[in-house]
Amino acid sequence: MRPKVIAITGCIGAGKSLVGTILDQRGYEVIDTDSVVHELFEHSAELKDSVVTRFGKEVLSADGKIDRKKLGNIVFDDNGARRHLERIVHPEVLKACDLLLKSLPTDTFVFMLVPLLFEAGLEERYEEIWSVVADEEVLRARLRQTRGLSDEEITQRLSAQIPQPEKARRSDRVIDNSGTISDTEAQIDTILKKLTL
């Protein structure tokens, strides 16, 4: 037995983290798979060795840790490299998440932020899938402001993911995060009222 797990997905910059923060404020357990990846890169020697074997020592920072920005620059330029990285990382992330879920009560909802859910074919693992979407101009402005990405880098990252309308079509629920935080909170609260264990 495990808790009911609802996945939150969406393109880069759409606002998955904001939705996760709101759910956390509402008292729900939220697991961010990006944080899980970060932890694994920090502490798993086996994963680090696999990544360095495939991508070379140039992905390491001065202190010998995996530099996610350097790695990102390589894989977003090369679809084959990106898929290879996903084959290395995804199984380890799934194992780590399953361990986390085993430690949680079963009579509750747990929300998991999963950016590449559809890309990795993980739909069957979740009771529900929620997609966070945003108007593309809003999304691009956010990525320029919060991540310092150039227009070219933004286009590159978005083209590496399934388009927003397709993610929305394949999801159980859709949250439009183009407006204010209050707008997004209201949509989440409406959905939460409909959830039943």
Protein backbone atom coordinates (compact mmCIF):
# COMPACT_ATOMS: atom_id res chain seq x y z
CA MET A 1 0.00 0.00 0.00
CA ARG A 2 1.06 3.56 -0.67
CA PRO A 3 -0.61 6.99 -0.50
CA LYS A 4 -2.66 8.25 -3.45
CA VAL A 5 -0.08 10.03 -5.58
CA ILE A 6 -1.04 12.92 -7.83
CA ALA A 7 1.57 14.11 -10.32
CA ILE A 8 2.04 17.78 -11.15
CA THR A 9 3.64 18.28 -14.54
CA GLY A 10 4.09 21.04 -17.10
CA CYS A 11 6.67 22.71 -19.31
CA ILE A 12 9.68 24.56 -17.93
CA GLY A 13 8.57 27.89 -16.47
CA ALA A 14 4.86 27.02 -16.31
CA GLY A 15 4.76 27.14 -12.51
CA LYS A 16 4.98 23.60 -11.11
CA SER A 17 7.02 24.84 -8.15
CA LEU A 18 4.43 27.51 -7.32
CA VAL A 19 1.67 24.89 -7.38
CA GLY A 20 3.83 22.67 -5.15
CA THR A 21 4.36 25.55 -2.69
CA ILE A 22 0.61 26.27 -2.55
CA LEU A 23 -0.17 22.58 -1.91
CA ASP A 24 2.50 22.50 0.80
CA GLN A 25 0.88 25.56 2.42
CA ARG A 26 -2.42 23.67 2.37
CA GLY A 27 -0.79 20.93 4.45
CA TYR A 28 -0.12 18.32 1.78
CA GLU A 29 3.07 16.32 1.35
CA VAL A 30 4.87 17.48 -1.80
CA ILE A 31 7.81 15.63 -3.36
CA ASP A 32 9.82 17.58 -5.93
CA THR A 33 11.63 15.16 -8.24
CA ASP A 34 14.06 17.95 -9.22
CA SER A 35 15.16 18.07 -5.57
CA VAL A 36 15.47 14.28 -5.57
CA VAL A 37 17.72 14.49 -8.65
CA HIS A 38 19.79 17.20 -6.94
CA GLU A 39 20.21 15.01 -3.84
CA LEU A 40 21.23 12.03 -5.96
CA PHE A 41 23.79 14.08 -7.88
CA GLU A 42 25.17 15.32 -4.55
CA HIS A 43 25.31 12.00 -2.72
CA SER A 44 25.18 9.05 -5.13
CA ALA A 45 28.73 8.14 -6.20
CA GLU A 46 27.29 5.47 -8.51
CA LEU A 47 25.10 7.97 -10.36
CA LYS A 48 27.93 10.50 -10.59
CA ASP A 49 30.25 7.84 -12.03
CA SER A 50 27.64 6.83 -14.65
CA VAL A 51 27.14 10.46 -15.71
CA VAL A 52 30.89 11.19 -15.90
CA THR A 53 31.53 7.96 -17.84
CA ARG A 54 28.96 9.01 -20.44
CA PHE A 55 29.50 12.79 -20.59
CA GLY A 56 33.10 13.29 -19.48
CA LYS A 57 34.76 15.21 -16.66
CA GLU A 58 33.78 18.54 -18.24
CA VAL A 59 30.38 18.19 -16.52
CA LEU A 60 32.07 18.48 -13.11
CA SER A 61 32.44 21.72 -11.20
CA ALA A 62 35.71 22.81 -9.57
CA ASP A 63 34.79 20.93 -6.37
CA GLY A 64 34.25 17.66 -8.29
CA LYS A 65 30.45 17.66 -8.16
CA ILE A 66 28.16 17.40 -11.16
CA ASP A 67 27.45 20.87 -12.54
CA ARG A 68 23.81 20.68 -13.61
CA LYS A 69 24.10 23.80 -15.78
CA LYS A 70 27.03 22.36 -17.75
CA LEU A 71 25.23 19.05 -18.09
CA GLY A 72 22.05 20.84 -19.18
CA ASN A 73 23.90 22.75 -21.88
CA ILE A 74 25.13 19.45 -23.32
CA VAL A 75 21.85 17.52 -23.24
CA PHE A 76 19.59 20.32 -24.48
CA ASP A 77 21.77 20.55 -27.58
CA ASP A 78 21.63 16.83 -28.29
CA ASN A 79 18.47 14.70 -28.17
CA GLY A 80 20.45 11.46 -28.07
CA ALA A 81 22.52 12.68 -25.12
CA ARG A 82 19.38 13.83 -23.31
CA ARG A 83 17.72 10.45 -23.72
CA HIS A 84 20.88 8.72 -22.50
CA LEU A 85 20.94 10.94 -19.39
CA GLU A 86 17.28 10.16 -18.74
CA ARG A 87 18.01 6.42 -18.97
CA ILE A 88 20.71 6.87 -16.31
CA VAL A 89 18.79 9.17 -13.98
CA HIS A 90 15.11 8.18 -14.17
CA PRO A 91 15.39 4.67 -12.63
CA GLU A 92 17.36 6.07 -9.67
CA VAL A 93 14.82 8.86 -9.14
CA LEU A 94 11.92 6.39 -9.25
CA LYS A 95 13.63 4.18 -6.64
CA ALA A 96 14.28 7.16 -4.35
CA CYS A 97 10.67 8.38 -4.72
CA ASP A 98 9.27 4.92 -3.98
CA LEU A 99 11.31 4.84 -0.77
CA LEU A 100 9.93 8.24 0.24
CA LEU A 101 6.36 7.10 -0.44
CA LYS A 102 6.79 4.00 1.72
CA SER A 103 7.54 6.24 4.70
CA LEU A 104 4.28 8.22 4.36
CA PRO A 105 0.75 7.46 5.63
CA THR A 106 -1.43 5.62 3.11
CA ASP A 107 -4.68 7.47 3.91
CA THR A 108 -3.67 10.72 2.28
CA PHE A 109 -2.80 12.43 -1.00
CA VAL A 110 0.82 13.03 -1.91
CA PHE A 111 1.72 15.41 -4.72
CA MET A 112 4.79 14.79 -6.84
CA LEU A 113 6.32 17.38 -9.15
CA VAL A 114 7.35 15.47 -12.29
CA PRO A 115 8.55 17.76 -15.11
CA LEU A 116 9.14 15.07 -17.76
CA LEU A 117 6.27 12.77 -16.83
CA PHE A 118 4.87 12.26 -20.35
CA GLU A 119 8.29 12.36 -21.99
CA ALA A 120 9.40 9.49 -19.72
CA GLY A 121 6.15 7.51 -20.13
CA LEU A 122 5.34 7.54 -16.41
CA GLU A 123 1.56 8.11 -16.62
CA GLU A 124 0.63 4.74 -15.09
CA ARG A 125 2.42 5.48 -11.81
CA TYR A 126 -0.06 8.14 -10.66
CA GLU A 127 -3.72 8.24 -9.60
CA GLU A 128 -4.16 11.61 -11.29
CA ILE A 129 -2.07 13.94 -13.45
CA TRP A 130 -2.40 17.72 -13.22
CA SER A 131 -0.79 19.91 -15.87
CA VAL A 132 0.28 23.45 -15.09
CA VAL A 133 0.13 25.66 -18.17
CA ALA A 134 0.87 29.32 -18.87
CA ASP A 135 0.56 31.66 -21.80
CA GLU A 136 3.79 31.27 -23.79
CA GLU A 137 4.74 34.95 -23.59
CA VAL A 138 4.25 34.89 -19.80
CA LEU A 139 6.26 31.68 -19.59
CA ARG A 140 9.12 33.09 -21.68
CA ALA A 141 9.22 36.31 -19.64
CA ARG A 142 9.45 34.27 -16.43
CA LEU A 143 12.33 32.17 -17.78
CA ARG A 144 14.24 35.27 -18.88
CA GLN A 145 13.72 36.86 -15.48
CA THR A 146 14.08 33.94 -13.06
CA ARG A 147 16.64 31.76 -14.85
CA GLY A 148 18.46 34.31 -16.99
CA LEU A 149 17.91 32.25 -20.13
CA SER A 150 18.24 33.76 -23.60
CA ASP A 151 15.36 33.48 -26.09
CA GLU A 152 17.36 30.85 -27.96
CA GLU A 153 17.91 28.80 -24.78
CA ILE A 154 14.21 29.06 -23.91
CA THR A 155 13.18 27.86 -27.37
CA GLN A 156 15.68 25.01 -27.10
CA ARG A 157 14.34 23.84 -23.75
CA LEU A 158 10.69 24.15 -24.75
CA SER A 159 11.26 22.24 -28.00
CA ALA A 160 12.82 19.39 -25.98
CA GLN A 161 9.47 18.90 -24.18
CA ILE A 162 6.01 17.84 -25.28
CA PRO A 163 4.01 21.02 -26.10
CA GLN A 164 1.69 22.44 -23.44
CA PRO A 165 -1.60 21.72 -25.29
CA GLU A 166 -0.65 18.06 -25.63
CA LYS A 167 0.27 17.80 -21.93
CA ALA A 168 -3.02 19.44 -21.00
CA ARG A 169 -4.99 17.06 -23.25
CA ARG A 170 -3.39 14.03 -21.61
CA SER A 171 -3.96 15.25 -18.04
CA ASP A 172 -6.87 14.78 -15.64
CA ARG A 173 -6.88 18.43 -14.58
CA VAL A 174 -5.31 21.64 -15.88
CA ILE A 175 -4.20 24.68 -13.86
CA ASP A 176 -3.68 27.90 -15.81
CA ASN A 177 -0.87 29.82 -14.14
CA SER A 178 -0.83 32.77 -16.56
CA GLY A 179 -2.39 35.19 -14.07
CA THR A 180 -1.85 36.14 -10.44
CA ILE A 181 -0.88 33.81 -7.61
CA SER A 182 -4.40 34.34 -6.19
CA ASP A 183 -5.89 33.09 -9.48
CA THR A 184 -3.76 29.96 -9.29
CA GLU A 185 -4.60 29.41 -5.60
CA ALA A 186 -8.33 29.67 -6.38
CA GLN A 187 -8.07 27.02 -9.11
CA ILE A 188 -6.15 24.67 -6.79
CA ASP A 189 -8.62 25.14 -3.93
CA THR A 190 -11.54 24.35 -6.27
CA ILE A 191 -9.84 21.13 -7.40
CA LEU A 192 -8.91 20.11 -3.84
CA LYS A 193 -12.56 20.30 -2.77
CA LYS A 194 -13.38 17.65 -5.39
CA LEU A 195 -10.72 15.15 -4.31
CA THR A 196 -11.84 12.01 -2.52
CA LEU A 197 -9.62 9.32 -1.03
